[in-house]
Amino acid sequence: IDVDAGAPPAAFRWQVDGGDAGWLDFDAASNAAAEDARRRGAGSAAFTSPYGSYDLNLEFMVQINRATGTARPVRYVP
């Protein structure tokens, strides 16, 4: 069964581990880029948010800041 069949593109909310701030939602454009990559079965995605440019590794579920190299865990929730 395809759980994504007929689901809208932003069926999931993507979040990044903000440390002491807890899990922080991606902005709308970054969420759309991440969800599109997940639905296509891609291993990665790239996006720019108000906080910087990132590479998203879907295999390891981390986002990597292109400027600093800092990696943070990500997750998606319904």
N, C-alpha and C. Protein backbone atom coordinates (compact mmCIF):
# COMPACT_ATOMS: atom_id res chain seq x y z
N ILE A 1 0.86 -1.18 0.00
CA ILE A 1 0.00 0.00 0.00
C ILE A 1 0.89 1.23 0.00
N ASP A 2 0.59 2.18 -0.86
CA ASP A 2 1.34 3.43 -0.94
C ASP A 2 0.67 4.45 -0.01
N VAL A 3 1.31 4.70 1.14
CA VAL A 3 0.71 5.62 2.11
C VAL A 3 0.69 7.05 1.59
N ASP A 4 1.50 7.36 0.57
CA ASP A 4 1.55 8.71 0.02
C ASP A 4 0.57 8.92 -1.12
N ALA A 5 -0.08 7.87 -1.59
CA ALA A 5 -0.99 8.01 -2.73
C ALA A 5 -2.08 9.01 -2.40
N GLY A 6 -2.17 10.03 -3.21
CA GLY A 6 -3.19 11.03 -3.03
C GLY A 6 -2.92 12.03 -1.92
N ALA A 7 -1.80 11.90 -1.24
CA ALA A 7 -1.49 12.84 -0.16
C ALA A 7 -0.99 14.15 -0.75
N PRO A 8 -1.32 15.26 -0.13
CA PRO A 8 -0.82 16.54 -0.61
C PRO A 8 0.69 16.63 -0.46
N PRO A 9 1.37 17.46 -1.24
CA PRO A 9 2.83 17.56 -1.19
C PRO A 9 3.40 17.85 0.20
N ALA A 10 2.69 18.58 1.04
CA ALA A 10 3.21 18.90 2.36
C ALA A 10 2.50 18.08 3.44
N ALA A 11 2.30 16.78 3.18
CA ALA A 11 1.62 15.92 4.12
C ALA A 11 2.41 15.77 5.42
N PHE A 12 3.70 15.99 5.36
CA PHE A 12 4.54 15.88 6.54
C PHE A 12 5.15 17.23 6.86
N ARG A 13 5.39 17.45 8.12
CA ARG A 13 6.06 18.67 8.58
C ARG A 13 7.49 18.28 8.93
N TRP A 14 8.45 18.89 8.29
CA TRP A 14 9.86 18.62 8.55
C TRP A 14 10.36 19.51 9.66
N GLN A 15 11.21 18.94 10.51
CA GLN A 15 11.77 19.67 11.64
C GLN A 15 13.26 19.38 11.78
N VAL A 16 13.97 20.34 12.36
CA VAL A 16 15.39 20.20 12.64
C VAL A 16 15.58 20.28 14.15
N ASP A 17 16.54 19.53 14.66
CA ASP A 17 16.85 19.55 16.09
C ASP A 17 17.54 20.86 16.42
N GLY A 18 16.85 21.72 17.16
CA GLY A 18 17.39 23.02 17.54
C GLY A 18 18.08 23.02 18.89
N GLY A 19 18.49 21.86 19.36
CA GLY A 19 19.18 21.78 20.65
C GLY A 19 18.25 22.16 21.79
N ASP A 20 18.67 23.14 22.59
CA ASP A 20 17.87 23.57 23.74
C ASP A 20 16.51 24.12 23.32
N ALA A 21 16.37 24.59 22.08
CA ALA A 21 15.11 25.15 21.59
C ALA A 21 14.12 24.06 21.19
N GLY A 22 14.56 22.80 21.16
CA GLY A 22 13.69 21.69 20.77
C GLY A 22 13.63 21.53 19.26
N TRP A 23 12.65 20.81 18.79
CA TRP A 23 12.47 20.58 17.35
C TRP A 23 11.83 21.80 16.72
N LEU A 24 12.46 22.34 15.67
CA LEU A 24 11.99 23.54 14.99
C LEU A 24 11.48 23.19 13.61
N ASP A 25 10.33 23.72 13.24
CA ASP A 25 9.75 23.48 11.92
C ASP A 25 10.59 24.12 10.82
N PHE A 26 10.72 23.43 9.69
CA PHE A 26 11.30 24.03 8.49
C PHE A 26 10.36 25.15 8.03
N ASP A 27 10.90 26.17 7.36
CA ASP A 27 10.03 27.16 6.72
C ASP A 27 9.31 26.47 5.56
N ALA A 28 8.29 27.12 5.02
CA ALA A 28 7.43 26.49 4.01
C ALA A 28 8.20 26.02 2.78
N ALA A 29 9.09 26.82 2.25
CA ALA A 29 9.84 26.44 1.04
C ALA A 29 10.78 25.27 1.31
N SER A 30 11.46 25.28 2.45
CA SER A 30 12.36 24.19 2.80
C SER A 30 11.59 22.91 3.05
N ASN A 31 10.43 23.03 3.70
CA ASN A 31 9.57 21.87 3.94
C ASN A 31 9.14 21.25 2.61
N ALA A 32 8.75 22.10 1.66
CA ALA A 32 8.31 21.60 0.35
C ALA A 32 9.45 20.88 -0.37
N ALA A 33 10.67 21.43 -0.31
CA ALA A 33 11.82 20.80 -0.96
C ALA A 33 12.14 19.45 -0.33
N ALA A 34 12.10 19.39 1.00
CA ALA A 34 12.38 18.14 1.70
C ALA A 34 11.32 17.09 1.42
N GLU A 35 10.06 17.50 1.46
CA GLU A 35 8.96 16.55 1.24
C GLU A 35 8.96 16.05 -0.20
N ASP A 36 9.26 16.93 -1.15
CA ASP A 36 9.34 16.51 -2.55
C ASP A 36 10.42 15.45 -2.73
N ALA A 37 11.58 15.67 -2.13
CA ALA A 37 12.68 14.70 -2.23
C ALA A 37 12.29 13.37 -1.59
N ARG A 38 11.66 13.42 -0.43
CA ARG A 38 11.23 12.18 0.25
C ARG A 38 10.25 11.42 -0.60
N ARG A 39 9.26 12.12 -1.16
CA ARG A 39 8.23 11.44 -1.96
C ARG A 39 8.81 10.84 -3.24
N ARG A 40 9.85 11.46 -3.80
CA ARG A 40 10.48 10.94 -5.01
C ARG A 40 11.46 9.81 -4.71
N GLY A 41 11.78 9.60 -3.45
CA GLY A 41 12.74 8.57 -3.08
C GLY A 41 14.17 9.02 -3.27
N ALA A 42 14.38 10.33 -3.35
CA ALA A 42 15.74 10.87 -3.53
C ALA A 42 16.53 10.70 -2.23
N GLY A 43 17.82 10.60 -2.36
CA GLY A 43 18.68 10.45 -1.19
C GLY A 43 19.07 11.77 -0.56
N SER A 44 18.84 12.87 -1.30
CA SER A 44 19.24 14.16 -0.77
C SER A 44 18.42 15.28 -1.40
N ALA A 45 18.54 16.44 -0.81
CA ALA A 45 17.91 17.65 -1.33
C ALA A 45 18.76 18.83 -0.90
N ALA A 46 18.62 19.92 -1.59
CA ALA A 46 19.30 21.16 -1.21
C ALA A 46 18.25 22.25 -1.10
N PHE A 47 18.43 23.13 -0.13
CA PHE A 47 17.49 24.24 0.02
C PHE A 47 18.17 25.39 0.74
N THR A 48 17.59 26.55 0.59
CA THR A 48 18.05 27.74 1.28
C THR A 48 16.90 28.24 2.13
N SER A 49 17.19 28.50 3.39
CA SER A 49 16.18 29.02 4.31
C SER A 49 16.64 30.40 4.77
N PRO A 50 15.83 31.06 5.58
CA PRO A 50 16.27 32.35 6.12
C PRO A 50 17.55 32.24 6.97
N TYR A 51 17.91 31.03 7.36
CA TYR A 51 19.07 30.83 8.23
C TYR A 51 20.32 30.37 7.50
N GLY A 52 20.22 30.08 6.22
CA GLY A 52 21.38 29.65 5.46
C GLY A 52 21.03 28.64 4.38
N SER A 53 22.08 28.12 3.75
CA SER A 53 21.92 27.11 2.70
C SER A 53 22.30 25.75 3.27
N TYR A 54 21.50 24.75 2.92
CA TYR A 54 21.66 23.43 3.52
C TYR A 54 21.60 22.32 2.48
N ASP A 55 22.29 21.23 2.80
CA ASP A 55 22.14 19.97 2.09
C ASP A 55 21.43 19.04 3.05
N LEU A 56 20.38 18.39 2.58
CA LEU A 56 19.61 17.46 3.40
C LEU A 56 19.96 16.05 2.97
N ASN A 57 20.46 15.24 3.88
CA ASN A 57 20.79 13.85 3.61
C ASN A 57 19.67 13.00 4.17
N LEU A 58 18.86 12.43 3.28
CA LEU A 58 17.70 11.67 3.72
C LEU A 58 18.07 10.27 4.21
N GLU A 59 19.21 9.77 3.82
CA GLU A 59 19.64 8.45 4.30
C GLU A 59 20.00 8.52 5.79
N PHE A 60 20.70 9.57 6.18
CA PHE A 60 21.13 9.72 7.56
C PHE A 60 20.26 10.69 8.36
N MET A 61 19.26 11.30 7.68
CA MET A 61 18.33 12.23 8.31
C MET A 61 19.05 13.35 9.06
N VAL A 62 19.92 14.04 8.32
CA VAL A 62 20.61 15.21 8.84
C VAL A 62 20.57 16.32 7.80
N GLN A 63 20.63 17.55 8.29
CA GLN A 63 20.82 18.69 7.40
C GLN A 63 22.21 19.24 7.70
N ILE A 64 22.92 19.61 6.65
CA ILE A 64 24.29 20.10 6.79
C ILE A 64 24.34 21.54 6.28
N ASN A 65 24.78 22.44 7.13
CA ASN A 65 24.93 23.83 6.76
C ASN A 65 26.11 23.94 5.81
N ARG A 66 25.89 24.47 4.61
CA ARG A 66 26.96 24.54 3.62
C ARG A 66 28.09 25.47 4.03
N ALA A 67 27.80 26.52 4.79
CA ALA A 67 28.82 27.49 5.18
C ALA A 67 29.69 26.99 6.33
N THR A 68 29.07 26.29 7.30
CA THR A 68 29.80 25.90 8.51
C THR A 68 30.13 24.40 8.57
N GLY A 69 29.39 23.60 7.79
CA GLY A 69 29.58 22.15 7.85
C GLY A 69 28.87 21.50 9.03
N THR A 70 28.14 22.30 9.81
CA THR A 70 27.43 21.77 10.97
C THR A 70 26.28 20.87 10.52
N ALA A 71 26.21 19.67 11.10
CA ALA A 71 25.14 18.73 10.80
C ALA A 71 24.20 18.65 11.98
N ARG A 72 22.90 18.68 11.69
CA ARG A 72 21.88 18.57 12.74
C ARG A 72 20.86 17.51 12.32
N PRO A 73 20.38 16.73 13.29
CA PRO A 73 19.35 15.74 12.98
C PRO A 73 18.06 16.42 12.49
N VAL A 74 17.36 15.74 11.61
CA VAL A 74 16.05 16.18 11.14
C VAL A 74 15.07 15.03 11.28
N ARG A 75 13.80 15.37 11.25
CA ARG A 75 12.74 14.36 11.28
C ARG A 75 11.55 14.91 10.54
N TYR A 76 10.61 14.03 10.21
CA TYR A 76 9.34 14.49 9.67
C TYR A 76 8.22 13.87 10.49
N VAL A 77 7.21 14.67 10.70
CA VAL A 77 6.09 14.25 11.52
C VAL A 77 4.78 14.56 10.79
N PRO A 78 3.76 13.73 10.99
CA PRO A 78 2.48 13.98 10.34
C PRO A 78 1.83 15.26 10.86
